[in-house]
C-alpha atoms as a PDB file:
ATOM      1  CA  MET A   1    -148.660 -20.322  25.007  1.00  0.00           C
ATOM      2  CA  GLN A   2    -149.222 -18.179  28.095  1.00  0.00           C
ATOM      3  CA  ALA A   3    -145.547 -18.028  29.098  1.00  0.00           C
ATOM      4  CA  LEU A   4    -144.824 -15.959  25.996  1.00  0.00           C
ATOM      5  CA  ALA A   5    -147.065 -13.187  27.332  1.00  0.00           C
ATOM      6  CA  LEU A   6    -144.414 -12.480  29.962  1.00  0.00           C
ATOM      7  CA  THR A   7    -142.354 -10.774  27.262  1.00  0.00           C
ATOM      8  CA  SER A   8    -144.898  -7.916  27.290  1.00  0.00           C
ATOM      9  CA  THR A   9    -143.517  -6.879  30.695  1.00  0.00           C
ATOM     10  CA  TRP A  10    -139.952  -6.505  29.420  1.00  0.00           C
ATOM     11  CA  PRO A  11    -138.593  -2.920  29.263  1.00  0.00           C
ATOM     12  CA  VAL A  12    -137.878  -3.100  25.528  1.00  0.00           C
ATOM     13  CA  GLY A  13    -139.320  -1.452  22.452  1.00  0.00           C
ATOM     14  CA  THR A  14    -140.142  -4.567  20.443  1.00  0.00           C
ATOM     15  CA  VAL A  15    -139.903  -8.302  21.149  1.00  0.00           C
ATOM     16  CA  SER A  16    -140.536 -11.454  19.144  1.00  0.00           C
ATOM     17  CA  ALA A  17    -140.322 -14.839  20.844  1.00  0.00           C
ATOM     18  CA  GLY A  18    -141.102 -18.477  20.195  1.00  0.00           C
ATOM     19  CA  VAL A  19    -140.855 -21.969  21.635  1.00  0.00           C
ATOM     20  CA  LEU A  20    -140.232 -25.367  20.005  1.00  0.00           C
ATOM     21  CA  VAL A  21    -140.458 -28.841  21.493  1.00  0.00           C
ATOM     22  CA  ARG A  22    -139.522 -32.363  20.437  1.00  0.00           C
ATOM     23  CA  THR A  23    -141.278 -34.883  22.615  1.00  0.00           C
ATOM     24  CA  ALA A  24    -139.738 -38.078  21.216  1.00  0.00           C
ATOM     25  CA  LEU A  25    -136.345 -38.996  19.837  1.00  0.00           C
ATOM     26  CA  GLY A  26    -136.507 -39.028  16.060  1.00  0.00           C
ATOM     27  CA  SER A  27    -139.568 -36.808  15.828  1.00  0.00           C
ATOM     28  CA  ALA A  28    -139.466 -33.348  14.269  1.00  0.00           C
ATOM     29  CA  PRO A  29    -139.552 -30.298  16.542  1.00  0.00           C
ATOM     30  CA  CYS A  30    -142.960 -28.642  16.656  1.00  0.00           C
ATOM     31  CA  GLU A  31    -143.911 -25.089  17.504  1.00  0.00           C
ATOM     32  CA  LEU A  32    -145.640 -24.512  20.829  1.00  0.00           C
ATOM     33  CA  GLY A  33    -146.240 -20.816  20.275  1.00  0.00           C
ATOM     34  CA  VAL A  34    -144.903 -17.468  19.117  1.00  0.00           C
ATOM     35  CA  VAL A  35    -145.475 -13.844  20.054  1.00  0.00           C
ATOM     36  CA  GLY A  36    -144.616 -10.697  18.127  1.00  0.00           C
ATOM     37  CA  ASP A  37    -143.646 -10.133  14.519  1.00  0.00           C
ATOM     38  CA  ARG A  38    -142.174 -13.317  13.070  1.00  0.00           C
ATOM     39  CA  THR A  39    -140.573 -11.579  10.083  1.00  0.00           C
ATOM     40  CA  ARG A  40    -139.141  -8.412  11.643  1.00  0.00           C
ATOM     41  CA  ARG A  41    -135.367  -8.346  11.257  1.00  0.00           C
ATOM     42  CA  TYR A  42    -133.358  -7.923  14.441  1.00  0.00           C
ATOM     43  CA  ARG A  43    -129.655  -7.580  15.069  1.00  0.00           C
ATOM     44  CA  LEU A  44    -128.698 -10.875  16.700  1.00  0.00           C
ATOM     45  CA  ALA A  45    -125.390  -9.689  18.177  1.00  0.00           C
ATOM     46  CA  SER A  46    -123.621 -12.719  19.716  1.00  0.00           C
ATOM     47  CA  ILE A  47    -126.295 -15.217  18.706  1.00  0.00           C
ATOM     48  CA  ALA A  48    -124.283 -14.958  15.479  1.00  0.00           C
ATOM     49  CA  LYS A  49    -121.556 -17.016  17.168  1.00  0.00           C
ATOM     50  CA  PRO A  50    -123.357 -20.384  17.338  1.00  0.00           C
ATOM     51  CA  ILE A  51    -124.780 -19.936  13.823  1.00  0.00           C
ATOM     52  CA  SER A  52    -121.317 -19.127  12.466  1.00  0.00           C
ATOM     53  CA  ALA A  53    -119.790 -21.978  14.473  1.00  0.00           C
ATOM     54  CA  TRP A  54    -122.303 -24.426  12.989  1.00  0.00           C
ATOM     55  CA  ALA A  55    -121.004 -23.496   9.531  1.00  0.00           C
ATOM     56  CA  MET A  56    -117.427 -24.016  10.710  1.00  0.00           C
ATOM     57  CA  LEU A  57    -118.365 -27.476  11.947  1.00  0.00           C
ATOM     58  CA  VAL A  58    -119.869 -28.250   8.532  1.00  0.00           C
ATOM     59  CA  ALA A  59    -116.454 -27.301   7.133  1.00  0.00           C
ATOM     60  CA  VAL A  60    -114.856 -29.758   9.565  1.00  0.00           C
ATOM     61  CA  GLU A  61    -117.140 -32.540   8.379  1.00  0.00           C
ATOM     62  CA  GLU A  62    -116.397 -31.654   4.754  1.00  0.00           C
ATOM     63  CA  GLY A  63    -112.675 -32.027   5.451  1.00  0.00           C
ATOM     64  CA  ILE A  64    -111.948 -28.379   4.683  1.00  0.00           C
ATOM     65  CA  ILE A  65    -110.416 -27.784   8.105  1.00  0.00           C
ATOM     66  CA  GLY A  66    -109.902 -29.812  11.275  1.00  0.00           C
ATOM     67  CA  LEU A  67    -110.790 -29.099  14.874  1.00  0.00           C
ATOM     68  CA  ASP A  68    -107.090 -29.619  15.676  1.00  0.00           C
ATOM     69  CA  THR A  69    -105.925 -27.311  12.869  1.00  0.00           C
ATOM     70  CA  PRO A  70    -103.543 -24.645  14.263  1.00  0.00           C
ATOM     71  CA  VAL A  71    -105.153 -21.197  14.097  1.00  0.00           C
ATOM     72  CA  GLY A  72    -103.806 -18.044  15.721  1.00  0.00           C
ATOM     73  CA  GLN A  73    -101.072 -18.018  18.354  1.00  0.00           C
ATOM     74  CA  PRO A  74     -98.781 -21.054  18.852  1.00  0.00           C
ATOM     75  CA  GLY A  75    -100.618 -23.989  20.397  1.00  0.00           C
ATOM     76  CA  CYS A  76    -104.050 -22.617  19.525  1.00  0.00           C
ATOM     77  CA  THR A  77    -106.499 -24.687  17.463  1.00  0.00           C
ATOM     78  CA  LEU A  78    -109.932 -24.253  15.951  1.00  0.00           C
ATOM     79  CA  THR A  79    -111.386 -26.037  18.996  1.00  0.00           C
ATOM     80  CA  HIS A  80    -109.729 -23.529  21.329  1.00  0.00           C
ATOM     81  CA  LEU A  81    -111.171 -20.605  19.394  1.00  0.00           C
ATOM     82  CA  LEU A  82    -114.709 -21.984  19.157  1.00  0.00           C
ATOM     83  CA  SER A  83    -114.749 -22.695  22.911  1.00  0.00           C
ATOM     84  CA  HIS A  84    -113.284 -19.316  23.951  1.00  0.00           C
ATOM     85  CA  ALA A  85    -110.092 -20.947  25.160  1.00  0.00           C
ATOM     86  CA  GLY A  86    -107.697 -19.495  22.597  1.00  0.00           C
ATOM     87  CA  GLY A  87    -106.196 -16.906  24.915  1.00  0.00           C
ATOM     88  CA  TYR A  88    -107.566 -13.869  23.091  1.00  0.00           C
ATOM     89  CA  ALA A  89    -109.233 -10.848  24.675  1.00  0.00           C
ATOM     90  CA  PHE A  90    -112.820  -9.812  23.975  1.00  0.00           C
ATOM     91  CA  ASP A  91    -111.498  -7.753  21.051  1.00  0.00           C
ATOM     92  CA  GLY A  92    -107.955  -7.394  19.763  1.00  0.00           C
ATOM     93  CA  GLU A  93    -105.601  -9.766  17.962  1.00  0.00           C
ATOM     94  CA  ALA A  94    -102.850  -9.783  20.611  1.00  0.00           C
ATOM     95  CA  PRO A  95    -103.107 -12.886  22.840  1.00  0.00           C
ATOM     96  CA  ILE A  96    -103.420 -12.257  26.583  1.00  0.00           C
ATOM     97  CA  ALA A  97    -103.055 -15.864  27.790  1.00  0.00           C
ATOM     98  CA  ALA A  98    -101.802 -19.231  26.583  1.00  0.00           C
ATOM     99  CA  PRO A  99    -104.347 -21.475  24.833  1.00  0.00           C
ATOM    100  CA  GLY A 100    -106.398 -23.795  27.011  1.00  0.00           C
ATOM    101  CA  LYS A 101    -105.722 -22.025  30.305  1.00  0.00           C
ATOM    102  CA  ARG A 102    -108.769 -19.778  30.807  1.00  0.00           C
ATOM    103  CA  ARG A 103    -112.218 -19.271  29.337  1.00  0.00           C
ATOM    104  CA  ILE A 104    -111.837 -15.777  27.877  1.00  0.00           C
ATOM    105  CA  TYR A 105    -114.928 -14.792  25.898  1.00  0.00           C
ATOM    106  CA  SER A 106    -113.616 -13.442  22.611  1.00  0.00           C
ATOM    107  CA  ASN A 107    -115.035 -11.953  19.441  1.00  0.00           C
ATOM    108  CA  THR A 108    -111.509 -12.123  18.040  1.00  0.00           C
ATOM    109  CA  GLY A 109    -111.360 -15.893  18.504  1.00  0.00           C
ATOM    110  CA  ILE A 110    -114.525 -16.433  16.475  1.00  0.00           C
ATOM    111  CA  GLU A 111    -113.283 -14.026  13.804  1.00  0.00           C
ATOM    112  CA  LEU A 112    -109.937 -15.843  13.527  1.00  0.00           C
ATOM    113  CA  ALA A 113    -111.762 -19.176  13.253  1.00  0.00           C
ATOM    114  CA  ALA A 114    -114.020 -17.848  10.479  1.00  0.00           C
ATOM    115  CA  GLN A 115    -111.032 -16.404   8.648  1.00  0.00           C
ATOM    116  CA  ALA A 116    -109.275 -19.771   8.770  1.00  0.00           C
ATOM    117  CA  VAL A 117    -112.358 -21.527   7.361  1.00  0.00           C
ATOM    118  CA  ALA A 118    -112.708 -18.924   4.613  1.00  0.00           C
ATOM    119  CA  GLU A 119    -109.070 -19.308   3.605  1.00  0.00           C
ATOM    120  CA  ALA A 120    -109.290 -23.092   3.625  1.00  0.00           C
ATOM    121  CA  ALA A 121    -112.537 -23.086   1.632  1.00  0.00           C
ATOM    122  CA  GLY A 122    -111.403 -20.411  -0.807  1.00  0.00           C
ATOM    123  CA  LEU A 123    -114.643 -18.495  -0.194  1.00  0.00           C
ATOM    124  CA  PRO A 124    -115.628 -15.422   1.808  1.00  0.00           C
ATOM    125  CA  PHE A 125    -116.980 -16.665   5.125  1.00  0.00           C
ATOM    126  CA  ALA A 126    -120.370 -15.012   4.536  1.00  0.00           C
ATOM    127  CA  GLN A 127    -120.737 -17.045   1.336  1.00  0.00           C
ATOM    128  CA  TYR A 128    -119.665 -20.271   3.023  1.00  0.00           C
ATOM    129  CA  LEU A 129    -122.092 -19.622   5.873  1.00  0.00           C
ATOM    130  CA  ALA A 130    -124.926 -19.063   3.429  1.00  0.00           C
ATOM    131  CA  GLU A 131    -124.174 -22.221   1.441  1.00  0.00           C
ATOM    132  CA  ALA A 132    -123.464 -24.433   4.466  1.00  0.00           C
ATOM    133  CA  VAL A 133    -126.201 -23.340   6.893  1.00  0.00           C
ATOM    134  CA  LEU A 134    -128.520 -20.511   5.892  1.00  0.00           C
ATOM    135  CA  GLU A 135    -129.706 -21.846   2.545  1.00  0.00           C
ATOM    136  CA  PRO A 136    -130.137 -25.505   3.608  1.00  0.00           C
ATOM    137  CA  LEU A 137    -132.200 -24.439   6.635  1.00  0.00           C
ATOM    138  CA  GLY A 138    -134.293 -21.949   4.673  1.00  0.00           C
ATOM    139  CA  MET A 139    -132.941 -18.988   6.663  1.00  0.00           C
ATOM    140  CA  HIS A 140    -133.444 -16.662   3.715  1.00  0.00           C
ATOM    141  CA  ALA A 141    -133.940 -13.518   5.800  1.00  0.00           C
ATOM    142  CA  THR A 142    -130.632 -13.946   7.643  1.00  0.00           C
ATOM    143  CA  THR A 143    -127.561 -11.984   6.577  1.00  0.00           C
ATOM    144  CA  LEU A 144    -124.021 -11.623   7.867  1.00  0.00           C
ATOM    145  CA  GLU A 145    -123.047  -7.973   7.559  1.00  0.00           C
ATOM    146  CA  GLY A 146    -119.593  -7.928   9.088  1.00  0.00           C
ATOM    147  CA  SER A 147    -118.052  -9.882  11.953  1.00  0.00           C
ATOM    148  CA  PRO A 148    -119.199 -13.524  12.252  1.00  0.00           C
ATOM    149  CA  ALA A 149    -119.070 -12.972  16.011  1.00  0.00           C
ATOM    150  CA  HIS A 150    -121.777 -10.322  16.220  1.00  0.00           C
ATOM    151  CA  ALA A 151    -122.835  -8.710  12.923  1.00  0.00           C
ATOM    152  CA  MET A 152    -125.746 -10.923  11.881  1.00  0.00           C
ATOM    153  CA  PHE A 153    -129.355  -9.881  11.269  1.00  0.00           C
ATOM    154  CA  SER A 154    -132.299 -12.254  11.253  1.00  0.00           C
ATOM    155  CA  THR A 155    -135.949 -12.881  12.094  1.00  0.00           C
ATOM    156  CA  LEU A 156    -137.755 -14.957  14.687  1.00  0.00           C
ATOM    157  CA  ASP A 157    -138.792 -17.444  12.017  1.00  0.00           C
ATOM    158  CA  ASP A 158    -135.213 -17.921  10.865  1.00  0.00           C
ATOM    159  CA  VAL A 159    -133.745 -18.255  14.360  1.00  0.00           C
ATOM    160  CA  LEU A 160    -136.452 -20.792  15.185  1.00  0.00           C
ATOM    161  CA  ARG A 161    -135.295 -22.728  12.114  1.00  0.00           C
ATOM    162  CA  PHE A 162    -131.773 -22.734  13.522  1.00  0.00           C
ATOM    163  CA  VAL A 163    -133.006 -23.789  16.960  1.00  0.00           C
ATOM    164  CA  GLY A 164    -134.876 -26.621  15.249  1.00  0.00           C
ATOM    165  CA  GLU A 165    -131.535 -27.640  13.739  1.00  0.00           C
ATOM    166  CA  LEU A 166    -129.934 -27.582  17.195  1.00  0.00           C
ATOM    167  CA  ILE A 167    -132.738 -29.801  18.503  1.00  0.00           C
ATOM    168  CA  ALA A 168    -132.591 -32.288  15.610  1.00  0.00           C
ATOM    169  CA  PRO A 169    -129.410 -31.748  13.558  1.00  0.00           C
ATOM    170  CA  THR A 170    -129.568 -32.339   9.819  1.00  0.00           C
ATOM    171  CA  LEU A 171    -126.361 -30.588   8.722  1.00  0.00           C
ATOM    172  CA  LEU A 172    -123.984 -32.276  11.174  1.00  0.00           C
ATOM    173  CA  SER A 173    -123.444 -35.858  12.241  1.00  0.00           C
ATOM    174  CA  PRO A 174    -124.596 -36.832  15.742  1.00  0.00           C
ATOM    175  CA  THR A 175    -120.952 -37.048  16.823  1.00  0.00           C
ATOM    176  CA  THR A 176    -120.087 -33.518  15.721  1.00  0.00           C
ATOM    177  CA  ALA A 177    -123.326 -32.077  17.085  1.00  0.00           C
ATOM    178  CA  GLU A 178    -122.552 -33.699  20.432  1.00  0.00           C
ATOM    179  CA  LEU A 179    -119.087 -32.114  20.440  1.00  0.00           C
ATOM    180  CA  ALA A 180    -120.681 -28.718  19.859  1.00  0.00           C
ATOM    181  CA  THR A 181    -123.082 -29.096  22.768  1.00  0.00           C
ATOM    182  CA  THR A 182    -120.750 -30.776  25.287  1.00  0.00           C
ATOM    183  CA  PRO A 183    -118.265 -28.842  27.448  1.00  0.00           C
ATOM    184  CA  SER A 184    -114.844 -28.482  25.857  1.00  0.00           C
ATOM    185  CA  LEU A 185    -112.015 -28.223  28.408  1.00  0.00           C
ATOM    186  CA  PRO A 186    -114.740 -28.448  31.069  1.00  0.00           C
ATOM    187  CA  THR A 187    -112.704 -27.336  34.091  1.00  0.00           C
ATOM    188  CA  LEU A 188    -111.750 -23.895  32.764  1.00  0.00           C
ATOM    189  CA  VAL A 189    -112.684 -20.853  34.822  1.00  0.00           C
ATOM    190  CA  GLY A 190    -114.080 -17.807  33.052  1.00  0.00           C
ATOM    191  CA  VAL A 191    -116.489 -14.901  32.842  1.00  0.00           C
ATOM    192  CA  VAL A 192    -119.778 -14.712  30.969  1.00  0.00           C
ATOM    193  CA  PRO A 193    -119.812 -11.009  30.001  1.00  0.00           C
ATOM    194  CA  GLY A 194    -122.534  -9.093  31.773  1.00  0.00           C
ATOM    195  CA  VAL A 195    -123.432 -12.083  33.945  1.00  0.00           C
ATOM    196  CA  GLY A 196    -120.499 -13.093  36.152  1.00  0.00           C
ATOM    197  CA  ARG A 197    -117.457 -15.241  36.828  1.00  0.00           C
ATOM    198  CA  PHE A 198    -117.919 -19.003  37.045  1.00  0.00           C
ATOM    199  CA  ALA A 199    -115.632 -21.826  38.152  1.00  0.00           C
ATOM    200  CA  PRO A 200    -115.967 -23.824  36.064  1.00  0.00           C
ATOM    201  CA  CYS A 201    -117.387 -21.925  33.093  1.00  0.00           C
ATOM    202  CA  PRO A 202    -118.424 -24.641  30.607  1.00  0.00           C
ATOM    203  CA  TRP A 203    -118.625 -23.901  26.893  1.00  0.00           C
ATOM    204  CA  GLY A 204    -119.084 -26.092  23.862  1.00  0.00           C
ATOM    205  CA  LEU A 205    -118.084 -25.223  20.301  1.00  0.00           C
ATOM    206  CA  GLY A 206    -119.821 -21.909  19.695  1.00  0.00           C
ATOM    207  CA  LEU A 207    -122.450 -22.608  22.355  1.00  0.00           C
ATOM    208  CA  GLU A 208    -122.514 -21.760  26.045  1.00  0.00           C
ATOM    209  CA  ILE A 209    -123.358 -24.698  28.321  1.00  0.00           C
ATOM    210  CA  HIS A 210    -125.451 -23.972  31.420  1.00  0.00           C
ATOM    211  CA  GLY A 211    -123.675 -26.402  33.727  1.00  0.00           C
ATOM    212  CA  ALA A 212    -123.934 -25.338  37.368  1.00  0.00           C
ATOM    213  CA  LYS A 213    -123.757 -21.574  36.701  1.00  0.00           C
ATOM    214  CA  HIS A 214    -125.807 -19.552  39.178  1.00  0.00           C
ATOM    215  CA  PRO A 215    -127.136 -16.935  39.048  1.00  0.00           C
ATOM    216  CA  HIS A 216    -127.403 -17.099  35.297  1.00  0.00           C
ATOM    217  CA  TRP A 217    -129.358 -15.714  32.359  1.00  0.00           C
ATOM    218  CA  MET A 218    -130.999 -19.119  31.728  1.00  0.00           C
ATOM    219  CA  GLY A 219    -133.734 -20.404  34.033  1.00  0.00           C
ATOM    220  CA  THR A 220    -133.212 -22.092  37.367  1.00  0.00           C
ATOM    221  CA  ARG A 221    -135.278 -24.975  35.970  1.00  0.00           C
ATOM    222  CA  ASN A 222    -133.084 -25.367  32.905  1.00  0.00           C
ATOM    223  CA  SER A 223    -131.067 -28.574  33.153  1.00  0.00           C
ATOM    224  CA  SER A 224    -127.281 -28.439  33.387  1.00  0.00           C
ATOM    225  CA  LEU A 225    -127.187 -29.792  29.814  1.00  0.00           C
ATOM    226  CA  THR A 226    -128.924 -26.704  28.388  1.00  0.00           C
ATOM    227  CA  PHE A 227    -126.936 -24.930  25.694  1.00  0.00           C
ATOM    228  CA  GLY A 228    -127.484 -21.623  23.952  1.00  0.00           C
ATOM    229  CA  HIS A 229    -126.339 -18.021  23.727  1.00  0.00           C
ATOM    230  CA  PHE A 230    -127.430 -14.499  24.414  1.00  0.00           C
ATOM    231  CA  GLY A 231    -126.510 -11.341  22.569  1.00  0.00           C
ATOM    232  CA  GLY A 232    -125.674  -7.761  23.427  1.00  0.00           C
ATOM    233  CA  ALA A 233    -128.593  -6.677  21.243  1.00  0.00           C
ATOM    234  CA  GLY A 234    -130.980  -7.989  23.916  1.00  0.00           C
ATOM    235  CA  THR A 235    -131.417 -11.391  22.275  1.00  0.00           C
ATOM    236  CA  MET A 236    -131.339 -14.924  23.675  1.00  0.00           C
ATOM    237  CA  MET A 237    -131.895 -18.534  22.715  1.00  0.00           C
ATOM    238  CA  TRP A 238    -131.451 -21.889  24.411  1.00  0.00           C
ATOM    239  CA  VAL A 239    -132.138 -25.589  23.933  1.00  0.00           C
ATOM    240  CA  ASP A 240    -132.746 -27.857  26.918  1.00  0.00           C
ATOM    241  CA  PRO A 241    -132.303 -31.506  25.871  1.00  0.00           C
ATOM    242  CA  ALA A 242    -133.338 -32.799  29.291  1.00  0.00           C
ATOM    243  CA  ALA A 243    -136.547 -30.870  29.932  1.00  0.00           C
ATOM    244  CA  THR A 244    -139.583 -32.626  31.368  1.00  0.00           C
ATOM    245  CA  ALA A 245    -141.400 -32.045  28.073  1.00  0.00           C
ATOM    246  CA  GLY A 246    -138.585 -33.595  26.027  1.00  0.00           C
ATOM    247  CA  THR A 247    -136.227 -31.239  24.197  1.00  0.00           C
ATOM    248  CA  VAL A 248    -137.387 -27.637  24.446  1.00  0.00           C
ATOM    249  CA  GLY A 249    -135.989 -24.702  22.473  1.00  0.00           C
ATOM    250  CA  CYS A 250    -136.664 -21.041  23.178  1.00  0.00           C
ATOM    251  CA  VAL A 251    -135.874 -17.801  21.309  1.00  0.00           C
ATOM    252  CA  ALA A 252    -136.469 -14.174  22.291  1.00  0.00           C
ATOM    253  CA  LEU A 253    -135.316 -11.270  20.115  1.00  0.00           C
ATOM    254  CA  THR A 254    -135.570  -7.612  21.127  1.00  0.00           C
ATOM    255  CA  ASP A 255    -134.581  -4.236  19.716  1.00  0.00           C
ATOM    256  CA  THR A 256    -133.140  -2.943  23.008  1.00  0.00           C
ATOM    257  CA  PRO A 257    -129.444  -3.492  23.816  1.00  0.00           C
ATOM    258  CA  PHE A 258    -128.778  -5.768  26.784  1.00  0.00           C
ATOM    259  CA  ASP A 259    -126.718  -3.165  28.632  1.00  0.00           C
ATOM    260  CA  ARG A 260    -129.730  -0.841  28.809  1.00  0.00           C
ATOM    261  CA  TRP A 261    -131.770  -3.376  30.799  1.00  0.00           C
ATOM    262  CA  SER A 262    -129.236  -5.970  31.947  1.00  0.00           C
ATOM    263  CA  ALA A 263    -130.287  -5.931  35.605  1.00  0.00           C
ATOM    264  CA  ALA A 264    -133.912  -6.482  34.601  1.00  0.00           C
ATOM    265  CA  ALA A 265    -133.003  -9.056  31.940  1.00  0.00           C
ATOM    266  CA  LEU A 266    -131.100 -11.177  34.451  1.00  0.00           C
ATOM    267  CA  GLU A 267    -134.324 -11.460  36.441  1.00  0.00           C
ATOM    268  CA  LEU A 268    -136.858 -11.520  33.594  1.00  0.00           C
ATOM    269  CA  TRP A 269    -135.084 -14.018  31.309  1.00  0.00           C
ATOM    270  CA  PRO A 270    -134.764 -16.753  33.985  1.00  0.00           C
ATOM    271  CA  ALA A 271    -138.400 -16.240  35.058  1.00  0.00           C
ATOM    272  CA  PHE A 272    -139.488 -16.450  31.421  1.00  0.00           C
ATOM    273  CA  SER A 273    -137.386 -19.566  30.812  1.00  0.00           C
ATOM    274  CA  ASN A 274    -138.835 -21.249  33.903  1.00  0.00           C
ATOM    275  CA  ALA A 275    -142.377 -20.435  32.766  1.00  0.00           C
ATOM    276  CA  VAL A 276    -141.649 -21.811  29.278  1.00  0.00           C
ATOM    277  CA  LEU A 277    -140.352 -25.083  30.708  1.00  0.00           C
ATOM    278  CA  ASP A 278    -143.269 -25.449  33.114  1.00  0.00           C
ATOM    279  CA  GLU A 279    -145.895 -24.781  30.457  1.00  0.00           C
ATOM    280  CA  ALA A 280    -144.155 -26.960  27.876  1.00  0.00           C
ATOM    281  CA  ALA A 281    -144.286 -29.848  30.368  1.00  0.00           C
ATOM    282  CA  VAL A 282    -148.025 -29.350  30.838  1.00  0.00           C
ATOM    283  CA  LEU A 283    -148.735 -29.061  27.123  1.00  0.00           C
ATOM    284  CA  ALA A 284    -146.594 -32.105  26.300  1.00  0.00           C
ATOM    285  CA  SER A 285    -148.603 -34.163  28.770  1.00  0.00           C
ATOM    286  CA  GLY A 286    -151.832 -33.187  27.072  1.00  0.00           C
ATOM    287  CA  GLY A 287    -152.672 -30.399  29.489  1.00  0.00           C
ATOM    288  CA  ARG A 288    -153.032 -32.681  32.499  1.00  0.00           C
END
């Protein structure tokens, strides 16, 4: 896939990237191409959030905890925390706003949610995550080594497995998967760290929703329904369920922190995403 060659121009030490597509409802996602070392372990940083959130949603479906379960400050629920609407700062357990009033991107919120699931399940969250998500998806090279918000390490192959799950869920019901990938409290205003302030700033449950955000780290050709996440380790992934090719998923992992090349990344990632979508459309049509 020629679009993947664009990653060679990125100002990073090492990059591994891949693209999946599902051209018909009910079909399995297939790989369009990869570049770089598939088995090199990278720090995912905040891509840990959607993977951890997926495990929390498994816990919801198992009846271990509910989306409306109170967690954290008064009035705050698991849904608030997973959608960055719990009123907590980026880091720190003291609330800075009432729940449901602003989209405040928060590691603390994800950590409180994971702690609540662990307590309800009677298991360390890392163990629950492994049993609920990592092992069923064959993500054997993925480990949680601290905070469920940012301390996860994985490989391109494993993250592609998770993106395949996002494209065609097997661990969650269609209803729960739709909740995860649909804006929660859709009118909230907020900031995507390192990118900008958006009004509104849509977010699902553990997953950022593209919506009408512009300029943005996703491509200008990504549909408003695109969901995904990027990480401070220089990592990104997205799934576009309304691409011309069908449903397209993209992953790029690097070893260079985002803040060292953020200005370049906010130009290179959208251009890369656009190229992926354009080429996927051509390949899905048989190269015509």
